[in-house]
Amino acid sequence: MAVVIRMMRAGAKKRPFYRIVVADSRRQRDGRFVEILGYYDPMTNPFAVKMDEEKVKAWIALGAQPSDQAASLFRQAGIIAVRASKTAKKAGEAKKKAPVKRAKPREVTERRTRNKAARVKKKASPKKAQPKKK
């Protein structure tokens, strides 16, 4: 069973409220879950986040994968480490990249040239309408 930590939407229309839950990845967004870890309320200014950090760390240690949104909230709260910037990653990857290997061009065989000639011939000669017989 693949377990994910994600946000489950609750609240009224145009008034979102999210619960941070642990759920099976095959379940629907607002479906059955294993455990509630906290909540996120984007409607307050500033937004409100409350979560049980110990439970979050325990689930991550067990192998639960946080969704992008949940991971962002965990980074802001300081629960998980901040990712390295994309530019730093690209700079490191540019040094490690091997040269691109090109595929060899295919040999032109007699059979291929015959097939191509037949296709061109079909396109060039449109079908003529035959008169109707009574």
Protein backbone atom coordinates (compact mmCIF):
# COMPACT_ATOMS: atom_id res chain seq x y z
CA MET A 1 0.00 0.00 0.00
CA ALA A 2 1.50 3.35 -1.08
CA VAL A 3 0.84 5.91 1.64
CA VAL A 4 0.81 9.65 0.98
CA ILE A 5 0.42 12.72 3.15
CA ARG A 6 -1.94 15.09 1.38
CA MET A 7 -4.55 17.75 1.90
CA MET A 8 -8.21 16.81 2.03
CA ARG A 9 -10.62 19.61 1.15
CA ALA A 10 -13.40 20.51 3.54
CA GLY A 11 -15.40 23.68 4.07
CA ALA A 12 -18.13 25.41 2.11
CA LYS A 13 -18.23 26.58 -1.49
CA LYS A 14 -15.58 29.26 -2.08
CA ARG A 15 -14.49 28.90 1.57
CA PRO A 16 -11.80 26.19 1.45
CA PHE A 17 -10.46 24.49 4.53
CA TYR A 18 -7.98 21.62 4.30
CA ARG A 19 -7.17 18.73 6.61
CA ILE A 20 -3.66 17.31 6.35
CA VAL A 21 -4.18 13.56 6.27
CA VAL A 22 -2.36 10.29 5.70
CA ALA A 23 -4.15 8.23 3.04
CA ASP A 24 -3.69 5.40 0.58
CA SER A 25 -2.58 6.91 -2.73
CA ARG A 26 -5.29 4.98 -4.60
CA ARG A 27 -8.10 6.63 -2.63
CA GLN A 28 -9.91 9.72 -3.86
CA ARG A 29 -8.92 13.15 -2.54
CA ASP A 30 -11.76 13.49 -0.05
CA GLY A 31 -12.15 9.76 0.56
CA ARG A 32 -11.11 7.43 3.34
CA PHE A 33 -7.91 8.27 5.20
CA VAL A 34 -5.69 6.63 7.82
CA GLU A 35 -5.05 9.53 10.19
CA ILE A 36 -5.52 13.31 10.47
CA LEU A 37 -2.22 15.13 11.10
CA GLY A 38 -3.50 18.71 11.21
CA TYR A 39 -5.25 21.41 9.22
CA TYR A 40 -4.58 24.37 6.90
CA ASP A 41 -6.93 27.36 6.64
CA PRO A 42 -6.01 29.64 3.71
CA MET A 43 -8.92 32.03 4.32
CA THR A 44 -7.49 33.66 7.45
CA ASN A 45 -4.94 36.46 7.19
CA PRO A 46 -2.21 35.24 7.71
CA PHE A 47 -3.18 31.67 6.87
CA ALA A 48 -3.47 29.24 9.75
CA VAL A 49 -1.60 25.93 9.88
CA LYS A 50 -1.70 23.54 12.79
CA MET A 51 -0.16 20.08 12.67
CA ASP A 52 1.28 17.44 14.94
CA GLU A 53 4.97 17.55 13.98
CA GLU A 54 5.81 14.30 15.74
CA LYS A 55 3.18 12.38 13.77
CA VAL A 56 4.33 13.96 10.50
CA LYS A 57 7.96 12.99 11.15
CA ALA A 58 6.91 9.47 12.16
CA TRP A 59 4.89 8.94 8.96
CA ILE A 60 7.70 10.29 6.77
CA ALA A 61 10.12 7.95 8.57
CA LEU A 62 7.77 5.06 7.76
CA GLY A 63 7.92 5.98 4.07
CA ALA A 64 4.86 8.16 3.49
CA GLN A 65 5.40 10.56 0.58
CA PRO A 66 4.07 14.11 1.08
CA SER A 67 2.28 15.77 -1.83
CA ASP A 68 3.78 18.96 -3.24
CA GLN A 69 1.36 21.17 -1.30
CA ALA A 70 1.86 19.28 1.95
CA ALA A 71 5.65 19.30 1.53
CA SER A 72 5.53 23.07 1.01
CA LEU A 73 3.68 23.51 4.31
CA PHE A 74 6.15 21.19 6.07
CA ARG A 75 9.09 23.22 4.74
CA GLN A 76 7.53 26.46 5.98
CA ALA A 77 7.00 24.90 9.39
CA GLY A 78 10.58 23.57 9.42
CA ILE A 79 9.56 19.92 9.65
CA ILE A 80 11.46 18.80 6.55
CA ALA A 81 14.62 20.23 5.00
CA VAL A 82 14.43 22.93 2.35
CA ARG A 83 15.20 21.69 -1.17
CA ALA A 84 18.24 22.97 -3.02
CA SER A 85 17.36 25.63 -5.57
CA LYS A 86 16.67 24.56 -9.15
CA THR A 87 19.50 26.68 -10.53
CA ALA A 88 22.02 24.97 -8.26
CA LYS A 89 20.74 21.57 -9.40
CA LYS A 90 20.96 22.53 -13.08
CA ALA A 91 24.51 23.80 -12.66
CA GLY A 92 25.53 20.49 -11.08
CA GLU A 93 23.76 18.47 -13.78
CA ALA A 94 25.38 20.43 -16.62
CA LYS A 95 28.82 19.29 -15.50
CA LYS A 96 27.80 15.62 -15.23
CA LYS A 97 25.97 15.27 -18.56
CA ALA A 98 27.52 12.93 -21.09
CA PRO A 99 27.54 13.80 -24.79
CA VAL A 100 24.37 12.92 -26.65
CA LYS A 101 24.63 9.81 -28.80
CA ARG A 102 22.93 10.14 -32.16
CA ALA A 103 21.15 7.24 -33.79
CA LYS A 104 22.63 5.88 -37.00
CA PRO A 105 20.65 6.77 -40.13
CA ARG A 106 18.66 3.87 -41.52
CA GLU A 107 19.84 2.27 -44.69
CA VAL A 108 17.67 2.83 -47.73
CA THR A 109 16.67 -0.54 -49.11
CA GLU A 110 15.11 -1.47 -52.42
CA ARG A 111 11.88 -2.48 -50.71
CA ARG A 112 11.56 0.91 -49.05
CA THR A 113 12.05 2.80 -52.27
CA ARG A 114 9.40 0.64 -53.97
CA ASN A 115 6.92 1.28 -51.15
CA LYS A 116 7.58 5.01 -51.23
CA ALA A 117 7.13 5.11 -55.00
CA ALA A 118 3.81 3.28 -54.67
CA ARG A 119 2.56 5.78 -52.06
CA VAL A 120 3.53 8.76 -54.20
CA LYS A 121 1.84 7.20 -57.23
CA LYS A 122 -1.43 6.69 -55.29
CA LYS A 123 -1.49 10.33 -54.18
CA ALA A 124 -0.79 11.62 -57.68
CA SER A 125 -3.59 9.75 -59.45
CA PRO A 126 -7.03 10.75 -58.10
CA LYS A 127 -9.94 8.39 -58.70
CA LYS A 128 -12.14 9.36 -61.59
CA ALA A 129 -15.88 9.26 -61.11
CA GLN A 130 -17.52 6.70 -63.33
CA PRO A 131 -20.90 7.45 -64.92
CA LYS A 132 -23.89 5.76 -63.29
CA LYS A 133 -25.45 2.87 -65.15
CA LYS A 134 -29.22 2.58 -65.36
